[in-house]
């Protein structure tokens, strides 16, 4: 992670509140998380932004987490036209039809038990690794799973924030 200001971080720090909040919403759908990060601008470094993100994630209520999870499509079914979810879930792109069908079944069972999509930081994971994770996690209590989801969201947010602050667009 970068420790100095980048053009992307400078742009984020100086953009209008509405633009910065929109960018944060693309990272995480929790309005509480986005508001906390917005209120702490400007950030001296990406690491400072990441620490603020982690702190805000730790403070989210169950309702805030539900709002954040609502912004994520099920594993194996990225949002059409959304390059972010397609890129993050690329490990499922080449999966066999049998694995895709099994993931759909597991996703539905997970969602029925917990009331929300199965959320995992899918970046760099194979379809089999994601299947194995949902198989394991479906046995958790709702309380255990909420904290795992919080940690997974934190990982996803860091990846997405890194892309936000490292982008060098005009």
Protein backbone atom coordinates (compact mmCIF):
# COMPACT_ATOMS: atom_id res chain seq x y z
CA UNK A 1 0.00 0.00 0.00
CA UNK A 2 1.22 3.44 -0.77
CA UNK A 3 2.35 5.72 2.03
CA UNK A 4 2.45 8.99 0.10
CA UNK A 5 -0.24 10.99 -1.57
CA UNK A 6 -1.19 9.87 -5.07
CA UNK A 7 -3.06 11.78 -7.76
CA UNK A 8 -6.11 9.63 -6.96
CA UNK A 9 -5.92 10.39 -3.25
CA UNK A 10 -5.42 14.10 -3.94
CA UNK A 11 -8.46 14.06 -6.24
CA UNK A 12 -10.52 12.25 -3.58
CA UNK A 13 -9.40 14.71 -0.87
CA UNK A 14 -10.31 17.78 -2.94
CA UNK A 15 -13.44 16.61 -4.73
CA UNK A 16 -16.85 17.97 -3.83
CA UNK A 17 -18.49 16.17 -0.90
CA UNK A 18 -21.19 14.75 -3.19
CA UNK A 19 -18.58 13.34 -5.61
CA UNK A 20 -16.46 11.90 -2.80
CA UNK A 21 -19.52 10.33 -1.18
CA UNK A 22 -20.55 8.81 -4.52
CA UNK A 23 -17.04 7.34 -4.90
CA UNK A 24 -17.19 5.94 -1.37
CA UNK A 25 -20.61 4.43 -2.08
CA UNK A 26 -19.04 2.55 -5.00
CA UNK A 27 -16.54 1.12 -2.52
CA UNK A 28 -19.09 0.27 0.21
CA UNK A 29 -22.87 0.72 0.19
CA UNK A 30 -23.02 1.58 3.91
CA UNK A 31 -23.96 5.24 4.26
CA UNK A 32 -22.61 5.29 7.85
CA UNK A 33 -19.21 4.04 6.66
CA UNK A 34 -19.11 6.56 3.81
CA UNK A 35 -20.13 9.45 6.03
CA UNK A 36 -17.41 8.62 8.57
CA UNK A 37 -14.72 8.53 5.89
CA UNK A 38 -15.98 11.71 4.25
CA UNK A 39 -15.91 13.59 7.57
CA UNK A 40 -12.22 12.81 8.09
CA UNK A 41 -10.92 14.21 4.79
CA UNK A 42 -8.30 15.15 3.82
CA UNK A 43 -6.13 12.06 4.22
CA UNK A 44 -2.34 12.43 4.24
CA UNK A 45 -1.82 8.95 2.82
CA UNK A 46 -3.62 5.90 1.56
CA UNK A 47 -2.66 4.12 4.80
CA UNK A 48 -4.45 6.82 6.80
CA UNK A 49 -7.54 6.29 4.64
CA UNK A 50 -7.32 2.52 5.14
CA UNK A 51 -7.06 2.92 8.93
CA UNK A 52 -10.11 5.21 8.89
CA UNK A 53 -11.96 2.62 6.79
CA UNK A 54 -11.10 -0.17 9.22
CA UNK A 55 -12.19 1.93 12.19
CA UNK A 56 -15.47 2.87 10.53
CA UNK A 57 -16.10 -0.79 9.60
CA UNK A 58 -15.55 -1.84 13.22
CA UNK A 59 -18.24 0.61 14.35
CA UNK A 60 -20.97 -0.48 11.93
CA UNK A 61 -24.18 -1.75 13.46
CA UNK A 62 -25.97 -4.87 12.22
CA UNK A 63 -28.25 -2.57 10.17
CA UNK A 64 -25.22 -0.78 8.66
CA UNK A 65 -23.70 -4.13 7.74
CA UNK A 66 -26.97 -5.19 6.10
CA UNK A 67 -26.93 -1.98 4.05
CA UNK A 68 -23.32 -2.67 3.00
CA UNK A 69 -24.10 -6.28 2.04
CA UNK A 70 -27.07 -5.20 -0.06
CA UNK A 71 -24.57 -3.62 -2.45
CA UNK A 72 -22.97 -6.99 -3.25
CA UNK A 73 -24.34 -9.49 -5.76
CA UNK A 74 -24.30 -13.21 -4.97
CA UNK A 75 -21.07 -15.09 -5.74
CA UNK A 76 -21.31 -16.49 -9.24
CA UNK A 77 -23.83 -13.88 -10.36
CA UNK A 78 -22.03 -10.52 -10.75
CA UNK A 79 -24.19 -7.54 -11.59
CA UNK A 80 -24.61 -7.25 -15.37
CA UNK A 81 -22.57 -4.36 -16.68
CA UNK A 82 -20.65 -3.98 -13.40
CA UNK A 83 -16.93 -4.45 -14.11
CA UNK A 84 -16.07 -4.31 -10.39
CA UNK A 85 -18.17 -7.32 -9.35
CA UNK A 86 -17.16 -9.22 -12.51
CA UNK A 87 -13.45 -8.58 -11.80
CA UNK A 88 -13.77 -9.49 -8.12
CA UNK A 89 -15.65 -12.69 -8.90
CA UNK A 90 -13.47 -13.75 -11.83
CA UNK A 91 -12.63 -16.99 -10.00
CA UNK A 92 -16.15 -18.19 -10.82
CA UNK A 93 -15.99 -17.17 -14.48
CA UNK A 94 -14.31 -20.37 -15.63
CA UNK A 95 -16.08 -22.65 -13.17
CA UNK A 96 -17.85 -25.75 -14.42
CA UNK A 97 -21.61 -25.73 -14.77
CA UNK A 98 -21.76 -28.21 -11.87
CA UNK A 99 -19.80 -25.86 -9.61
CA UNK A 100 -21.94 -22.89 -10.65
CA UNK A 101 -25.10 -24.88 -9.89
CA UNK A 102 -23.69 -25.96 -6.52
CA UNK A 103 -22.79 -22.34 -5.68
CA UNK A 104 -26.32 -21.22 -6.55
CA UNK A 105 -27.74 -23.90 -4.24
CA UNK A 106 -25.32 -23.01 -1.44
CA UNK A 107 -25.94 -19.27 -1.89
CA UNK A 108 -29.69 -19.84 -1.53
CA UNK A 109 -29.26 -22.01 1.57
CA UNK A 110 -26.90 -19.44 3.10
CA UNK A 111 -29.27 -16.58 2.32
CA UNK A 112 -32.19 -18.49 3.80
CA UNK A 113 -30.26 -19.10 7.02
CA UNK A 114 -28.70 -15.66 7.47
CA UNK A 115 -31.05 -13.35 5.55
CA UNK A 116 -28.33 -11.90 3.31
CA UNK A 117 -25.99 -12.87 0.49
CA UNK A 118 -22.88 -14.91 1.18
CA UNK A 119 -20.14 -12.32 1.27
CA UNK A 120 -16.48 -13.13 0.79
CA UNK A 121 -13.50 -11.20 -0.50
CA UNK A 122 -13.49 -13.15 -3.77
CA UNK A 123 -10.46 -11.43 -5.30
CA UNK A 124 -7.84 -14.06 -6.06
CA UNK A 125 -10.03 -16.99 -4.98
CA UNK A 126 -11.03 -19.89 -7.18
CA UNK A 127 -14.60 -21.09 -7.50
CA UNK A 128 -13.71 -24.14 -5.44
CA UNK A 129 -12.26 -21.99 -2.64
CA UNK A 130 -15.43 -19.89 -2.53
CA UNK A 131 -17.59 -23.04 -2.49
CA UNK A 132 -15.53 -24.50 0.34
CA UNK A 133 -15.86 -21.24 2.30
CA UNK A 134 -19.65 -21.10 2.01
CA UNK A 135 -19.87 -24.78 2.99
CA UNK A 136 -17.86 -24.04 6.13
CA UNK A 137 -19.52 -20.76 7.01
CA UNK A 138 -23.11 -21.98 6.69
CA UNK A 139 -22.52 -23.85 9.96
CA UNK A 140 -21.80 -20.65 11.90
CA UNK A 141 -24.15 -18.86 14.23
CA UNK A 142 -25.55 -15.53 12.97
CA UNK A 143 -23.30 -13.69 15.43
CA UNK A 144 -20.16 -15.50 14.27
CA UNK A 145 -21.07 -14.95 10.65
CA UNK A 146 -21.76 -11.23 11.16
CA UNK A 147 -18.18 -10.72 12.38
CA UNK A 148 -16.75 -12.76 9.50
CA UNK A 149 -18.80 -10.66 7.09
CA UNK A 150 -17.47 -7.50 8.75
CA UNK A 151 -13.88 -8.72 8.20
CA UNK A 152 -14.58 -9.72 4.59
CA UNK A 153 -16.17 -6.33 3.88
CA UNK A 154 -13.09 -4.67 5.34
CA UNK A 155 -10.87 -6.61 2.92
CA UNK A 156 -13.10 -5.73 -0.04
CA UNK A 157 -13.13 -2.06 0.99
CA UNK A 158 -9.32 -1.95 1.14
CA UNK A 159 -9.03 -3.42 -2.36
CA UNK A 160 -11.58 -0.97 -3.72
CA UNK A 161 -10.09 2.01 -1.87
CA UNK A 162 -6.68 1.09 -3.28
CA UNK A 163 -8.12 1.25 -6.79
CA UNK A 164 -9.78 4.58 -5.95
CA UNK A 165 -6.64 6.28 -4.67
CA UNK A 166 -4.28 4.76 -7.22
CA UNK A 167 -6.35 5.65 -10.28
CA UNK A 168 -4.57 8.29 -12.32
CA UNK A 169 -7.34 9.64 -14.47
CA UNK A 170 -7.72 13.25 -15.52
